[in-house]
Protein backbone atom coordinates (compact mmCIF):
# COMPACT_ATOMS: atom_id res chain seq x y z
CA MET A 1 50.24 24.84 48.68
CA LYS A 2 49.75 28.51 48.14
CA PRO A 3 50.46 29.48 44.61
CA ALA A 4 53.45 31.80 43.99
CA TYR A 5 52.45 35.37 42.68
CA ARG A 6 54.01 36.83 39.66
CA PHE A 7 54.65 40.19 41.73
CA PRO A 8 56.47 40.42 44.91
CA ALA A 9 54.51 39.85 48.07
CA ARG A 10 54.02 42.66 50.44
CA ARG A 11 56.70 42.64 53.18
CA TYR A 12 56.78 46.18 54.43
CA HIS A 13 53.75 47.13 56.67
CA GLY A 14 52.70 50.28 58.44
CA THR A 15 50.00 52.33 59.76
CA GLN A 16 49.67 56.00 58.60
CA MET A 17 49.54 58.32 61.64
CA GLN A 18 49.76 62.17 61.73
CA THR A 19 51.19 64.22 64.60
CA SER A 20 51.75 68.01 64.84
CA MET A 21 55.10 69.78 65.63
CA LEU A 22 53.57 70.63 68.99
CA GLN A 23 53.24 66.88 69.70
CA LEU A 24 56.81 66.37 68.79
CA GLU A 25 58.14 69.19 70.67
CA MET A 26 56.06 68.13 73.96
CA THR A 27 57.11 64.45 73.76
CA TRP A 28 60.72 64.88 73.10
CA PRO A 29 61.82 65.55 76.67
CA ARG A 30 59.72 62.64 77.88
CA MET A 31 60.77 60.16 75.44
CA ASN A 32 64.56 61.24 76.05
CA GLU A 33 63.89 60.61 79.99
CA LYS A 34 62.49 57.17 79.15
CA LEU A 35 65.60 56.30 77.12
CA ASP A 36 67.85 57.50 79.91
CA LYS A 37 65.88 55.31 82.50
CA LEU A 38 66.33 52.37 80.12
CA GLY A 39 69.93 52.91 80.09
CA TYR A 40 69.93 53.77 76.22
CA ALA A 41 73.15 55.46 75.48
CA GLY A 42 73.03 55.33 71.59
CA ARG A 43 72.26 58.22 69.34
CA ARG A 44 68.83 59.81 69.21
CA VAL A 45 66.77 62.72 67.67
CA LEU A 46 63.77 64.24 69.22
CA GLY A 47 63.68 61.08 71.44
CA TYR A 48 63.76 58.44 68.82
CA LYS A 49 66.37 55.86 68.92
CA LEU A 50 69.00 55.82 66.13
CA THR A 51 70.82 52.52 65.35
CA GLU A 52 74.49 52.02 64.72
CA TRP A 53 73.53 50.77 61.09
CA GLN A 54 72.05 54.01 60.33
CA ARG A 55 74.10 56.73 58.82
CA GLN A 56 75.05 59.74 60.43
CA GLN A 57 73.66 63.30 60.25
CA LYS A 58 74.41 64.58 56.77
CA TRP A 59 72.56 67.59 56.15
CA THR A 60 74.39 70.90 56.38
CA VAL A 61 73.02 73.94 58.12
CA GLU A 62 71.78 75.38 54.80
CA GLN A 63 69.95 72.12 54.02
CA CYS A 64 68.18 72.05 57.39
CA ALA A 65 67.25 75.75 57.25
CA SER A 66 65.78 75.06 53.63
CA PHE A 67 63.75 72.14 55.23
CA VAL A 68 62.36 74.27 57.94
CA GLU A 69 61.72 77.10 55.62
CA SER A 70 59.52 74.49 53.45
CA ILE A 71 57.54 73.57 56.91
CA TRP A 72 56.81 77.26 57.46
CA MET A 73 55.78 77.60 53.72
CA GLY A 74 53.45 74.74 53.60
CA VAL A 75 55.38 72.54 51.37
CA GLY A 76 54.78 68.68 51.46
CA ILE A 77 57.56 67.46 53.84
CA GLY A 78 57.17 63.82 53.47
CA HIS A 79 57.08 61.70 56.54
CA PHE A 80 59.11 59.87 59.20
CA MET A 81 58.90 56.01 60.00
CA VAL A 82 59.23 54.71 63.51
CA ASN A 83 59.21 51.10 64.53
CA SER A 84 57.09 50.00 67.42
CA ASN A 85 57.51 46.68 69.25
CA PHE A 86 56.87 46.36 72.97
CA GLU A 87 58.11 42.92 73.10
CA ASN A 88 61.53 43.64 71.69
CA GLU A 89 62.89 46.73 73.45
CA ALA A 90 66.25 46.93 71.22
CA ILE A 91 63.99 47.76 68.33
CA ASP A 92 61.05 49.55 69.80
CA GLY A 93 61.27 53.27 69.09
CA ILE A 94 63.99 52.96 66.19
CA LEU A 95 63.58 55.83 63.72
CA LEU A 96 63.60 53.98 60.35
CA ASP A 97 63.18 57.12 58.14
CA GLY A 98 63.36 60.93 58.60
CA GLN A 99 66.50 61.10 60.71
CA GLN A 100 67.59 64.25 58.64
CA ARG A 101 64.37 65.92 58.77
CA LEU A 102 63.82 65.39 62.54
CA PHE A 103 67.35 66.71 63.00
CA ALA A 104 66.71 69.87 61.22
CA ILE A 105 63.60 70.49 63.32
CA GLU A 106 65.66 69.60 66.58
CA ARG A 107 68.55 71.94 65.56
CA TYR A 108 66.08 74.78 64.81
CA TRP A 109 64.45 74.28 68.15
CA ASN A 110 67.87 74.55 69.72
CA GLY A 111 68.69 77.75 68.03
CA GLU A 112 71.39 76.41 65.69
CA PHE A 113 70.25 78.46 62.84
CA PRO A 114 67.77 81.19 61.81
CA ILE A 115 65.03 81.18 59.12
CA VAL A 116 64.74 84.30 57.00
CA GLY A 117 61.15 85.60 57.18
CA ASP A 118 59.19 87.48 54.42
CA ASP A 119 60.46 90.76 55.88
CA GLY A 120 63.89 89.80 54.87
CA ASN A 121 65.20 89.31 58.45
CA ALA A 122 66.68 86.11 59.86
CA TYR A 123 65.03 84.89 63.09
CA PHE A 124 66.12 82.03 65.49
CA TRP A 125 63.41 79.92 67.00
CA HIS A 126 63.72 81.87 70.42
CA ASP A 127 63.46 85.34 68.56
CA LEU A 128 59.79 84.30 67.62
CA THR A 129 56.62 85.39 69.56
CA GLU A 130 54.38 82.82 71.21
CA GLU A 131 51.89 83.34 68.65
CA GLU A 132 54.48 82.56 65.93
CA HIS A 133 55.36 79.45 67.93
CA ARG A 134 51.77 78.28 68.07
CA HIS A 135 51.49 78.68 64.44
CA PHE A 136 54.65 76.50 63.83
CA PHE A 137 53.29 74.02 66.45
CA ARG A 138 49.86 73.57 64.57
CA ILE A 139 51.58 72.34 61.40
CA PRO A 140 51.04 68.60 60.94
CA PHE A 141 53.86 66.03 60.29
CA PRO A 142 52.54 62.56 58.98
CA TRP A 143 54.40 59.51 60.12
CA LEU A 144 54.32 55.74 59.61
CA GLU A 145 54.16 53.33 62.52
CA THR A 146 55.82 49.88 61.74
CA GLN A 147 55.75 46.70 63.90
CA TYR A 148 58.69 44.77 62.80
CA LYS A 149 59.54 41.95 65.00
CA THR A 150 63.19 41.50 64.36
CA GLU A 151 66.14 43.89 63.73
CA GLN A 152 66.77 42.23 60.42
CA GLU A 153 63.24 43.38 59.31
CA CYS A 154 64.10 46.87 60.56
CA VAL A 155 67.30 46.79 58.59
CA ASP A 156 65.56 45.38 55.48
CA ALA A 157 62.99 48.42 55.50
CA TYR A 158 65.50 50.93 56.35
CA ASN A 159 67.50 49.97 53.34
CA ARG A 160 64.55 49.52 51.00
CA HIS A 161 63.15 52.91 52.09
CA ASN A 162 66.41 54.83 51.88
CA PHE A 163 68.39 53.56 49.03
CA SER A 164 65.66 52.99 46.26
CA GLY A 165 65.74 56.55 44.85
CA THR A 166 68.35 58.32 42.67
CA PRO A 167 69.64 61.57 43.79
CA HIS A 168 69.32 64.57 41.46
CA GLU A 169 72.53 66.10 40.02
CA ALA A 170 73.36 69.81 40.47
CA ASP A 171 72.58 70.40 36.66
CA GLU A 172 69.07 69.01 37.20
CA PHE A 173 67.75 71.70 39.26
CA ALA A 174 64.46 72.94 38.16
CA VAL A 175 64.34 76.32 36.65
CA VAL A 176 61.53 78.14 34.74
CA SER A 177 62.13 78.01 31.05
CA LYS A 178 61.64 80.73 28.65
CA GLY A 179 58.73 80.69 26.44
CA ILE A 180 56.08 78.56 28.27
């Protein structure tokens, strides 16, 4: 008999991956075509499936713009998490984390909001030059590939990943204090 550990056993496994904004943009139409051919009629973002047990899009246009500004500025943008399971089509390609971030990028590419440049002017994605697009496309975006075998494992990972933090209150917004 295996002894019980005095700490929780590891249940959530994944492989650290990295993509680029270019790769996301290039694969988006192909992934949507694949989902269409499979008859997938559910919600999706950048070609990844969103399940009915995931929340809806919550970020405002201002939050989306702030996130995309952070990408341009080189701020760490976290990662997104996708489940891969070629034996169970229902849970293959499910986005388990990063929905709001990927929606922000999708909305930016679709021209739904502009980003203010260092020159003080607001620019939509389609206003930018090819060189500016190439700059954005080179930006890396880390992601985690999981290989859960059941929907329950996906639900457990989603809940663990998305409900373990405490949101900041408005009065906790960081500001530079005087005298440092």
